[in-house]
C-alpha atoms as a PDB file:
ATOM      1  CA  MET A   1      31.385 -80.636   0.365  1.00  0.00           C
ATOM      2  CA  ASP A   2      31.952 -84.339   0.810  1.00  0.00           C
ATOM      3  CA  SER A   3      32.022 -85.712   4.339  1.00  0.00           C
ATOM      4  CA  TYR A   4      35.086 -87.620   5.500  1.00  0.00           C
ATOM      5  CA  LYS A   5      36.789 -88.529   8.748  1.00  0.00           C
ATOM      6  CA  ILE A   6      40.459 -87.790   9.319  1.00  0.00           C
ATOM      7  CA  ILE A   7      42.341 -90.465  11.235  1.00  0.00           C
ATOM      8  CA  THR A   8      45.792 -90.337  12.782  1.00  0.00           C
ATOM      9  CA  ASN A   9      47.625 -92.385  15.387  1.00  0.00           C
ATOM     10  CA  THR A  10      49.294 -91.992  18.756  1.00  0.00           C
ATOM     11  CA  THR A  11      52.663 -91.414  17.058  1.00  0.00           C
ATOM     12  CA  ALA A  12      51.410 -87.917  16.099  1.00  0.00           C
ATOM     13  CA  ASP A  13      51.738 -86.893  19.772  1.00  0.00           C
ATOM     14  CA  LEU A  14      48.744 -84.555  19.587  1.00  0.00           C
ATOM     15  CA  PRO A  15      47.108 -83.399  22.845  1.00  0.00           C
ATOM     16  CA  ALA A  16      43.964 -85.294  23.834  1.00  0.00           C
ATOM     17  CA  GLU A  17      41.908 -82.102  23.828  1.00  0.00           C
ATOM     18  CA  TYR A  18      42.983 -81.318  20.257  1.00  0.00           C
ATOM     19  CA  ILE A  19      41.951 -84.808  19.096  1.00  0.00           C
ATOM     20  CA  LYS A  20      38.550 -84.457  20.776  1.00  0.00           C
ATOM     21  CA  GLU A  21      37.977 -80.892  19.559  1.00  0.00           C
ATOM     22  CA  ASN A  22      38.605 -81.884  15.935  1.00  0.00           C
ATOM     23  CA  ASN A  23      36.803 -85.261  16.095  1.00  0.00           C
ATOM     24  CA  LEU A  24      39.918 -87.111  14.943  1.00  0.00           C
ATOM     25  CA  GLY A  25      39.995 -90.856  14.692  1.00  0.00           C
ATOM     26  CA  LEU A  26      42.904 -92.284  16.698  1.00  0.00           C
ATOM     27  CA  ILE A  27      44.782 -95.531  16.168  1.00  0.00           C
ATOM     28  CA  TYR A  28      46.865 -96.714  19.114  1.00  0.00           C
ATOM     29  CA  PHE A  29      50.366 -98.134  18.784  1.00  0.00           C
ATOM     30  CA  ASN A  30      51.083-100.622  21.572  1.00  0.00           C
ATOM     31  CA  TYR A  31      54.255-100.700  23.646  1.00  0.00           C
ATOM     32  CA  ILE A  32      55.657-102.692  26.561  1.00  0.00           C
ATOM     33  CA  MET A  33      57.146-101.005  29.617  1.00  0.00           C
ATOM     34  CA  ASP A  34      58.528-102.956  32.559  1.00  0.00           C
ATOM     35  CA  GLY A  35      56.787-106.139  31.399  1.00  0.00           C
ATOM     36  CA  THR A  36      53.338-104.564  31.018  1.00  0.00           C
ATOM     37  CA  SER A  37      51.651-103.959  27.658  1.00  0.00           C
ATOM     38  CA  TYR A  38      49.984-100.598  27.072  1.00  0.00           C
ATOM     39  CA  GLY A  39      47.674 -99.363  24.307  1.00  0.00           C
ATOM     40  CA  LYS A  40      44.069 -98.417  23.690  1.00  0.00           C
ATOM     41  CA  ASP A  41      42.649-100.231  26.715  1.00  0.00           C
ATOM     42  CA  LYS A  42      45.450 -99.419  29.160  1.00  0.00           C
ATOM     43  CA  GLU A  43      47.541 -96.260  29.189  1.00  0.00           C
ATOM     44  CA  LEU A  44      50.534 -95.237  31.281  1.00  0.00           C
ATOM     45  CA  ASP A  45      50.859 -91.627  32.429  1.00  0.00           C
ATOM     46  CA  TRP A  46      53.541 -90.025  30.278  1.00  0.00           C
ATOM     47  CA  LYS A  47      55.329 -88.506  33.273  1.00  0.00           C
ATOM     48  CA  GLU A  48      55.599 -91.960  34.816  1.00  0.00           C
ATOM     49  CA  PHE A  49      56.827 -93.336  31.478  1.00  0.00           C
ATOM     50  CA  TYR A  50      59.753 -90.918  31.453  1.00  0.00           C
ATOM     51  CA  ARG A  51      60.415 -91.377  35.178  1.00  0.00           C
ATOM     52  CA  LEU A  52      60.809 -95.106  34.654  1.00  0.00           C
ATOM     53  CA  MET A  53      63.294 -94.466  31.867  1.00  0.00           C
ATOM     54  CA  ARG A  54      65.247 -91.774  33.730  1.00  0.00           C
ATOM     55  CA  GLU A  55      65.293 -93.061  37.293  1.00  0.00           C
ATOM     56  CA  GLU A  56      64.952 -96.810  36.924  1.00  0.00           C
ATOM     57  CA  GLY A  57      66.607 -97.377  33.556  1.00  0.00           C
ATOM     58  CA  LYS A  58      63.563 -99.153  32.116  1.00  0.00           C
ATOM     59  CA  MET A  59      63.778 -99.702  28.356  1.00  0.00           C
ATOM     60  CA  PRO A  60      60.380 -99.849  26.619  1.00  0.00           C
ATOM     61  CA  THR A  61      59.760-101.777  23.412  1.00  0.00           C
ATOM     62  CA  THR A  62      57.266-100.920  20.668  1.00  0.00           C
ATOM     63  CA  SER A  63      55.350-102.821  17.999  1.00  0.00           C
ATOM     64  CA  GLN A  64      53.684-101.850  14.745  1.00  0.00           C
ATOM     65  CA  VAL A  65      49.968-102.147  14.016  1.00  0.00           C
ATOM     66  CA  ASN A  66      49.278-105.247  11.912  1.00  0.00           C
ATOM     67  CA  PRO A  67      46.788-105.439   8.996  1.00  0.00           C
ATOM     68  CA  GLN A  68      44.072-107.132  11.053  1.00  0.00           C
ATOM     69  CA  GLN A  69      44.286-104.476  13.765  1.00  0.00           C
ATOM     70  CA  TYR A  70      44.057-101.752  11.130  1.00  0.00           C
ATOM     71  CA  LYS A  71      41.036-103.448   9.621  1.00  0.00           C
ATOM     72  CA  GLU A  72      39.286-103.502  12.992  1.00  0.00           C
ATOM     73  CA  TYR A  73      40.059 -99.834  13.593  1.00  0.00           C
ATOM     74  CA  PHE A  74      38.867 -98.813  10.110  1.00  0.00           C
ATOM     75  CA  GLU A  75      35.655-100.851  10.486  1.00  0.00           C
ATOM     76  CA  GLU A  76      34.916 -98.967  13.702  1.00  0.00           C
ATOM     77  CA  PHE A  77      35.406 -95.586  11.998  1.00  0.00           C
ATOM     78  CA  LEU A  78      33.338 -96.660   8.968  1.00  0.00           C
ATOM     79  CA  ARG A  79      30.282 -96.879  11.224  1.00  0.00           C
ATOM     80  CA  GLU A  80      30.525 -93.085  11.527  1.00  0.00           C
ATOM     81  CA  ASN A  81      31.633 -92.161   8.011  1.00  0.00           C
ATOM     82  CA  LYS A  82      32.070 -94.118   4.770  1.00  0.00           C
ATOM     83  CA  ASN A  83      35.004 -91.939   3.697  1.00  0.00           C
ATOM     84  CA  LEU A  84      38.227 -92.207   5.706  1.00  0.00           C
ATOM     85  CA  LEU A  85      41.453 -90.242   5.278  1.00  0.00           C
ATOM     86  CA  TYR A  86      44.204 -91.975   7.248  1.00  0.00           C
ATOM     87  CA  LEU A  87      47.440 -90.041   7.773  1.00  0.00           C
ATOM     88  CA  SER A  88      50.072 -92.619   8.528  1.00  0.00           C
ATOM     89  CA  PHE A  89      53.232 -92.636  10.623  1.00  0.00           C
ATOM     90  CA  SER A  90      56.366 -92.557   8.460  1.00  0.00           C
ATOM     91  CA  SER A  91      56.955 -95.688   6.372  1.00  0.00           C
ATOM     92  CA  GLY A  92      60.664 -94.935   6.830  1.00  0.00           C
ATOM     93  CA  LEU A  93      60.373 -95.715  10.538  1.00  0.00           C
ATOM     94  CA  SER A  94      57.761 -98.475  10.623  1.00  0.00           C
ATOM     95  CA  GLY A  95      56.074-101.057   8.426  1.00  0.00           C
ATOM     96  CA  SER A  96      52.688 -99.949   9.753  1.00  0.00           C
ATOM     97  CA  CYS A  97      51.870 -97.776   6.743  1.00  0.00           C
ATOM     98  CA  GLY A  98      52.067-100.758   4.409  1.00  0.00           C
ATOM     99  CA  ASN A  99      49.828-102.712   6.765  1.00  0.00           C
ATOM    100  CA  ALA A 100      47.274 -99.879   6.715  1.00  0.00           C
ATOM    101  CA  ILE A 101      47.219 -99.918   2.909  1.00  0.00           C
ATOM    102  CA  LEU A 102      46.600-103.681   2.878  1.00  0.00           C
ATOM    103  CA  ALA A 103      43.734-103.327   5.359  1.00  0.00           C
ATOM    104  CA  ALA A 104      42.195-100.416   3.429  1.00  0.00           C
ATOM    105  CA  GLU A 105      42.312-102.298   0.111  1.00  0.00           C
ATOM    106  CA  GLU A 106      40.690-105.372   1.664  1.00  0.00           C
ATOM    107  CA  LEU A 107      37.884-103.339   3.226  1.00  0.00           C
ATOM    108  CA  MET A 108      37.150-101.481  -0.006  1.00  0.00           C
ATOM    109  CA  GLU A 109      36.932-104.800  -1.851  1.00  0.00           C
ATOM    110  CA  GLU A 110      34.450-106.031   0.739  1.00  0.00           C
ATOM    111  CA  ASN A 111      32.452-102.775   0.917  1.00  0.00           C
ATOM    112  CA  ALA A 112      31.798-101.019  -2.388  1.00  0.00           C
ATOM    113  CA  ASP A 113      30.235 -98.019  -0.639  1.00  0.00           C
ATOM    114  CA  CYS A 114      33.315 -97.058   1.377  1.00  0.00           C
ATOM    115  CA  ARG A 115      36.471 -95.199   0.374  1.00  0.00           C
ATOM    116  CA  ILE A 116      39.714 -95.125   2.362  1.00  0.00           C
ATOM    117  CA  ILE A 117      42.742 -93.051   1.376  1.00  0.00           C
ATOM    118  CA  VAL A 118      46.044 -93.731   3.153  1.00  0.00           C
ATOM    119  CA  VAL A 119      48.662 -90.965   2.982  1.00  0.00           C
ATOM    120  CA  ASP A 120      52.203 -91.766   4.095  1.00  0.00           C
ATOM    121  CA  SER A 121      53.160 -88.624   6.005  1.00  0.00           C
ATOM    122  CA  LYS A 122      56.876 -89.552   6.158  1.00  0.00           C
ATOM    123  CA  CYS A 123      56.507 -87.762   9.511  1.00  0.00           C
ATOM    124  CA  ALA A 124      56.833 -88.582  13.193  1.00  0.00           C
ATOM    125  CA  SER A 125      55.794 -87.102  16.537  1.00  0.00           C
ATOM    126  CA  MET A 126      54.327 -83.616  16.244  1.00  0.00           C
ATOM    127  CA  GLY A 127      55.653 -83.398  12.692  1.00  0.00           C
ATOM    128  CA  GLU A 128      52.920 -85.901  11.977  1.00  0.00           C
ATOM    129  CA  GLY A 129      50.732 -83.788  14.233  1.00  0.00           C
ATOM    130  CA  LEU A 130      51.409 -80.698  12.118  1.00  0.00           C
ATOM    131  CA  PHE A 131      50.660 -82.774   9.012  1.00  0.00           C
ATOM    132  CA  VAL A 132      47.279 -83.668  10.559  1.00  0.00           C
ATOM    133  CA  HIS A 133      46.690 -80.029  11.502  1.00  0.00           C
ATOM    134  CA  LYS A 134      47.203 -78.986   7.865  1.00  0.00           C
ATOM    135  CA  ALA A 135      44.646 -81.623   6.806  1.00  0.00           C
ATOM    136  CA  ILE A 136      42.120 -80.318   9.316  1.00  0.00           C
ATOM    137  CA  GLN A 137      42.563 -76.785   7.955  1.00  0.00           C
ATOM    138  CA  MET A 138      41.884 -78.056   4.429  1.00  0.00           C
ATOM    139  CA  GLN A 139      38.781 -79.884   5.597  1.00  0.00           C
ATOM    140  CA  LYS A 140      37.504 -76.763   7.358  1.00  0.00           C
ATOM    141  CA  GLN A 141      38.006 -74.825   4.117  1.00  0.00           C
ATOM    142  CA  GLY A 142      35.600 -77.236   2.418  1.00  0.00           C
ATOM    143  CA  LYS A 143      38.198 -79.182   0.438  1.00  0.00           C
ATOM    144  CA  SER A 144      37.231 -82.694  -0.652  1.00  0.00           C
ATOM    145  CA  MET A 145      38.994 -85.767   0.681  1.00  0.00           C
ATOM    146  CA  GLN A 146      40.880 -86.195  -2.612  1.00  0.00           C
ATOM    147  CA  GLU A 147      41.874 -82.507  -2.701  1.00  0.00           C
ATOM    148  CA  THR A 148      43.161 -82.758   0.862  1.00  0.00           C
ATOM    149  CA  ALA A 149      45.074 -85.973   0.131  1.00  0.00           C
ATOM    150  CA  ASP A 150      46.685 -84.405  -2.961  1.00  0.00           C
ATOM    151  CA  TYR A 151      47.666 -81.298  -0.990  1.00  0.00           C
ATOM    152  CA  LEU A 152      49.210 -83.432   1.756  1.00  0.00           C
ATOM    153  CA  THR A 153      51.178 -85.529  -0.726  1.00  0.00           C
ATOM    154  CA  ASP A 154      52.693 -82.318  -2.102  1.00  0.00           C
ATOM    155  CA  LEU A 155      53.385 -81.105   1.450  1.00  0.00           C
ATOM    156  CA  VAL A 156      55.427 -84.168   2.496  1.00  0.00           C
ATOM    157  CA  PRO A 157      58.837 -82.933   1.220  1.00  0.00           C
ATOM    158  CA  HIS A 158      58.308 -79.558   2.922  1.00  0.00           C
ATOM    159  CA  LEU A 159      57.232 -80.718   6.386  1.00  0.00           C
ATOM    160  CA  THR A 160      60.562 -80.162   8.114  1.00  0.00           C
ATOM    161  CA  HIS A 161      61.621 -82.077  11.252  1.00  0.00           C
ATOM    162  CA  VAL A 162      64.717 -81.235  13.276  1.00  0.00           C
ATOM    163  CA  PHE A 163      65.478 -82.524  16.745  1.00  0.00           C
ATOM    164  CA  THR A 164      68.145 -83.107  19.345  1.00  0.00           C
ATOM    165  CA  VAL A 165      68.424 -85.778  22.004  1.00  0.00           C
ATOM    166  CA  ASP A 166      69.847 -85.588  25.498  1.00  0.00           C
ATOM    167  CA  ASP A 167      71.195 -89.139  25.658  1.00  0.00           C
ATOM    168  CA  LEU A 168      72.836 -90.847  22.693  1.00  0.00           C
ATOM    169  CA  ASN A 169      72.336 -94.307  24.200  1.00  0.00           C
ATOM    170  CA  HIS A 170      68.674 -94.377  23.163  1.00  0.00           C
ATOM    171  CA  LEU A 171      69.659 -93.719  19.537  1.00  0.00           C
ATOM    172  CA  TYR A 172      72.277 -96.454  19.860  1.00  0.00           C
ATOM    173  CA  ARG A 173      69.577 -98.904  20.963  1.00  0.00           C
ATOM    174  CA  GLY A 174      67.629 -97.964  17.844  1.00  0.00           C
ATOM    175  CA  GLY A 175      70.655 -98.481  15.596  1.00  0.00           C
ATOM    176  CA  ARG A 176      71.030 -94.750  14.783  1.00  0.00           C
ATOM    177  CA  VAL A 177      74.552 -94.323  16.185  1.00  0.00           C
ATOM    178  CA  SER A 178      77.386 -96.733  17.005  1.00  0.00           C
ATOM    179  CA  LYS A 179      78.130 -97.859  20.553  1.00  0.00           C
ATOM    180  CA  ALA A 180      81.475 -96.056  20.432  1.00  0.00           C
ATOM    181  CA  ALA A 181      79.800 -92.813  19.330  1.00  0.00           C
ATOM    182  CA  ALA A 182      77.264 -93.118  22.142  1.00  0.00           C
ATOM    183  CA  ILE A 183      79.971 -93.623  24.778  1.00  0.00           C
ATOM    184  CA  VAL A 184      82.259 -90.848  23.503  1.00  0.00           C
ATOM    185  CA  GLY A 185      79.345 -88.485  22.926  1.00  0.00           C
ATOM    186  CA  THR A 186      78.040 -89.004  26.433  1.00  0.00           C
ATOM    187  CA  ILE A 187      81.439 -88.381  28.009  1.00  0.00           C
ATOM    188  CA  ALA A 188      82.098 -85.298  25.849  1.00  0.00           C
ATOM    189  CA  ALA A 189      78.539 -83.891  26.238  1.00  0.00           C
ATOM    190  CA  ILE A 190      78.054 -84.150  22.466  1.00  0.00           C
ATOM    191  CA  LYS A 191      74.459 -83.467  21.416  1.00  0.00           C
ATOM    192  CA  PRO A 192      73.548 -84.649  17.935  1.00  0.00           C
ATOM    193  CA  VAL A 193      71.100 -82.726  15.766  1.00  0.00           C
ATOM    194  CA  LEU A 194      69.061 -84.899  13.412  1.00  0.00           C
ATOM    195  CA  HIS A 195      66.317 -84.471  10.866  1.00  0.00           C
ATOM    196  CA  VAL A 196      63.818 -86.660   9.030  1.00  0.00           C
ATOM    197  CA  ASP A 197      64.624 -86.938   5.316  1.00  0.00           C
ATOM    198  CA  ASP A 198      62.349 -87.141   2.267  1.00  0.00           C
ATOM    199  CA  GLU A 199      61.887 -90.880   2.811  1.00  0.00           C
ATOM    200  CA  GLY A 200      61.010 -90.476   6.475  1.00  0.00           C
ATOM    201  CA  HIS A 201      64.302 -91.788   7.881  1.00  0.00           C
ATOM    202  CA  LEU A 202      66.246 -90.273  10.776  1.00  0.00           C
ATOM    203  CA  ILE A 203      69.460 -88.661   9.538  1.00  0.00           C
ATOM    204  CA  PRO A 204      72.179 -86.991  11.690  1.00  0.00           C
ATOM    205  CA  ILE A 205      73.077 -83.547  10.328  1.00  0.00           C
ATOM    206  CA  SER A 206      75.437 -82.085  12.945  1.00  0.00           C
ATOM    207  CA  LYS A 207      76.978 -82.480  16.386  1.00  0.00           C
ATOM    208  CA  VAL A 208      77.349 -79.710  18.928  1.00  0.00           C
ATOM    209  CA  ARG A 209      78.768 -79.605  22.425  1.00  0.00           C
ATOM    210  CA  GLY A 210      76.342 -78.605  25.132  1.00  0.00           C
ATOM    211  CA  ARG A 211      72.577 -78.507  25.515  1.00  0.00           C
ATOM    212  CA  LYS A 212      71.974 -74.800  24.860  1.00  0.00           C
ATOM    213  CA  LYS A 213      73.956 -74.927  21.612  1.00  0.00           C
ATOM    214  CA  SER A 214      71.906 -77.897  20.432  1.00  0.00           C
ATOM    215  CA  LEU A 215      68.652 -76.002  21.093  1.00  0.00           C
ATOM    216  CA  ASN A 216      69.916 -72.969  19.212  1.00  0.00           C
ATOM    217  CA  ALA A 217      70.944 -75.276  16.360  1.00  0.00           C
ATOM    218  CA  LEU A 218      67.291 -76.250  15.891  1.00  0.00           C
ATOM    219  CA  VAL A 219      66.304 -72.623  15.378  1.00  0.00           C
ATOM    220  CA  ASP A 220      69.307 -72.073  13.079  1.00  0.00           C
ATOM    221  CA  TYR A 221      68.078 -74.965  10.940  1.00  0.00           C
ATOM    222  CA  MET A 222      64.629 -73.396  10.737  1.00  0.00           C
ATOM    223  CA  GLU A 223      66.194 -70.127   9.604  1.00  0.00           C
ATOM    224  CA  GLU A 224      68.112 -71.968   6.895  1.00  0.00           C
ATOM    225  CA  LYS A 225      65.084 -73.932   5.681  1.00  0.00           C
ATOM    226  CA  THR A 226      62.576 -71.046   5.597  1.00  0.00           C
ATOM    227  CA  LYS A 227      64.591 -68.445   3.668  1.00  0.00           C
ATOM    228  CA  GLY A 228      62.429 -66.779   1.018  1.00  0.00           C
ATOM    229  CA  LEU A 229      59.231 -68.485   2.123  1.00  0.00           C
ATOM    230  CA  PRO A 230      55.970 -66.539   2.445  1.00  0.00           C
ATOM    231  CA  ALA A 231      53.855 -66.928   5.553  1.00  0.00           C
ATOM    232  CA  GLU A 232      53.331 -70.703   5.484  1.00  0.00           C
ATOM    233  CA  ASN A 233      54.464 -70.935   9.102  1.00  0.00           C
ATOM    234  CA  ASP A 234      51.531 -69.306  10.825  1.00  0.00           C
ATOM    235  CA  ILE A 235      51.976 -72.024  13.466  1.00  0.00           C
ATOM    236  CA  VAL A 236      54.969 -74.065  14.634  1.00  0.00           C
ATOM    237  CA  PHE A 237      54.822 -77.366  16.529  1.00  0.00           C
ATOM    238  CA  ILE A 238      57.343 -78.402  19.204  1.00  0.00           C
ATOM    239  CA  SER A 239      57.477 -81.687  21.103  1.00  0.00           C
ATOM    240  CA  HIS A 240      59.589 -82.683  24.088  1.00  0.00           C
ATOM    241  CA  GLY A 241      60.604 -85.731  26.085  1.00  0.00           C
ATOM    242  CA  ASP A 242      59.604 -84.362  29.498  1.00  0.00           C
ATOM    243  CA  ALA A 243      61.681 -81.199  28.931  1.00  0.00           C
ATOM    244  CA  LEU A 244      59.077 -78.428  28.797  1.00  0.00           C
ATOM    245  CA  GLU A 245      61.481 -75.683  29.894  1.00  0.00           C
ATOM    246  CA  ASP A 246      63.760 -76.392  26.919  1.00  0.00           C
ATOM    247  CA  ALA A 247      60.770 -76.512  24.559  1.00  0.00           C
ATOM    248  CA  GLU A 248      59.712 -73.086  25.835  1.00  0.00           C
ATOM    249  CA  TYR A 249      63.247 -71.792  25.246  1.00  0.00           C
ATOM    250  CA  VAL A 250      63.049 -72.895  21.600  1.00  0.00           C
ATOM    251  CA  ARG A 251      59.600 -71.305  21.285  1.00  0.00           C
ATOM    252  CA  ALA A 252      60.916 -67.994  22.627  1.00  0.00           C
ATOM    253  CA  GLU A 253      63.883 -68.033  20.241  1.00  0.00           C
ATOM    254  CA  ILE A 254      61.595 -68.667  17.254  1.00  0.00           C
ATOM    255  CA  GLU A 255      59.243 -65.882  18.278  1.00  0.00           C
ATOM    256  CA  LYS A 256      62.202 -63.517  18.685  1.00  0.00           C
ATOM    257  CA  ARG A 257      63.772 -64.381  15.320  1.00  0.00           C
ATOM    258  CA  PHE A 258      60.691 -64.874  13.130  1.00  0.00           C
ATOM    259  CA  GLY A 259      57.852 -63.054  14.885  1.00  0.00           C
ATOM    260  CA  ILE A 260      55.712 -66.205  14.896  1.00  0.00           C
ATOM    261  CA  LYS A 261      53.101 -66.045  17.652  1.00  0.00           C
ATOM    262  CA  GLU A 262      51.212 -69.325  17.426  1.00  0.00           C
ATOM    263  CA  PHE A 263      52.716 -72.566  18.706  1.00  0.00           C
ATOM    264  CA  LYS A 264      51.532 -75.968  19.794  1.00  0.00           C
ATOM    265  CA  ILE A 265      53.761 -77.693  22.349  1.00  0.00           C
ATOM    266  CA  ASN A 266      53.212 -81.197  23.682  1.00  0.00           C
ATOM    267  CA  HIS A 267      55.168 -84.083  25.178  1.00  0.00           C
ATOM    268  CA  ILE A 268      56.508 -86.909  23.029  1.00  0.00           C
ATOM    269  CA  GLY A 269      54.414 -90.030  23.530  1.00  0.00           C
ATOM    270  CA  PRO A 270      55.713 -93.489  24.423  1.00  0.00           C
ATOM    271  CA  THR A 271      56.026 -94.896  20.882  1.00  0.00           C
ATOM    272  CA  ILE A 272      58.469 -92.194  19.792  1.00  0.00           C
ATOM    273  CA  GLY A 273      59.866 -91.572  23.270  1.00  0.00           C
ATOM    274  CA  ALA A 274      60.921 -95.214  23.584  1.00  0.00           C
ATOM    275  CA  HIS A 275      63.499 -94.550  20.858  1.00  0.00           C
ATOM    276  CA  SER A 276      64.391 -90.883  21.419  1.00  0.00           C
ATOM    277  CA  GLY A 277      64.482 -90.951  25.219  1.00  0.00           C
ATOM    278  CA  PRO A 278      63.941 -88.313  27.908  1.00  0.00           C
ATOM    279  CA  GLY A 279      65.116 -84.798  27.143  1.00  0.00           C
ATOM    280  CA  THR A 280      64.468 -84.882  23.405  1.00  0.00           C
ATOM    281  CA  ILE A 281      63.417 -81.581  21.822  1.00  0.00           C
ATOM    282  CA  ALA A 282      61.885 -81.626  18.330  1.00  0.00           C
ATOM    283  CA  LEU A 283      60.854 -78.736  16.090  1.00  0.00           C
ATOM    284  CA  PHE A 284      58.429 -78.921  13.144  1.00  0.00           C
ATOM    285  CA  PHE A 285      57.594 -76.347  10.481  1.00  0.00           C
ATOM    286  CA  GLU A 286      57.063 -75.905   6.757  1.00  0.00           C
ATOM    287  CA  GLY A 287      60.319 -75.361   4.872  1.00  0.00           C
ATOM    288  CA  ASN A 288      61.780 -75.122   1.374  1.00  0.00           C
ATOM    289  CA  SER A 289      62.882 -78.716   1.859  1.00  0.00           C
ATOM    290  CA  ARG A 290      63.314 -81.167   4.674  1.00  0.00           C
END
């Protein structure tokens, strides 16, 4: 069995204890909230992050990791292991993946004894987290770094993301819906349901009226996308924008419909939450297609 270190980033929204338990490398995406920059050296409590958005109307901004920053991160991880498997945030949502590839190529040219594989997950939030989880399972089964990377590449079009947001204005800020749609949707209590397509882009798939209907729509989508599948979904991931009660509702509905018992639920971190906003509920599983 070859030894290799799996690396992800803060956009995977994995719990800190999970990262520590599995010895994951972590790359931090920086963001600015209320004029202060946060990242690896300074973190803002996630509850406070959402409070500032909800109660004070603060609008955070995010930035991608540049090639030099990636190079510095990779060099740090190379001190521990000469083989690195980096599972990147979706290239459809950020240019960071391309920057990681540039940094990896430069380091391998400079260091003949190291090998870095970058896999574009085309995933976000705990969809990326589930992608990482699948990699960890492969590693624990004794699969080589190349075998794991090949498996993950094949998994990309089946790692299904579906989510709903509580406030359309955050999607408007990100250019996902028009200003008119955001205003009308807010007045009419319209809750959009979106997914992440094969290229890692956010795509609206339906609109429903009312919060409970939007949560049920997530589970309906899972039912549609898992028809005829064997037991790939031994675990389902759910993330939330400071809306744990709604995440638990979705969990209960999935358990009732599918009999699935194992879940991982966590809050959406600042990088994703800056664009999805408070109240977002996202569901991730393995499906026939995205």
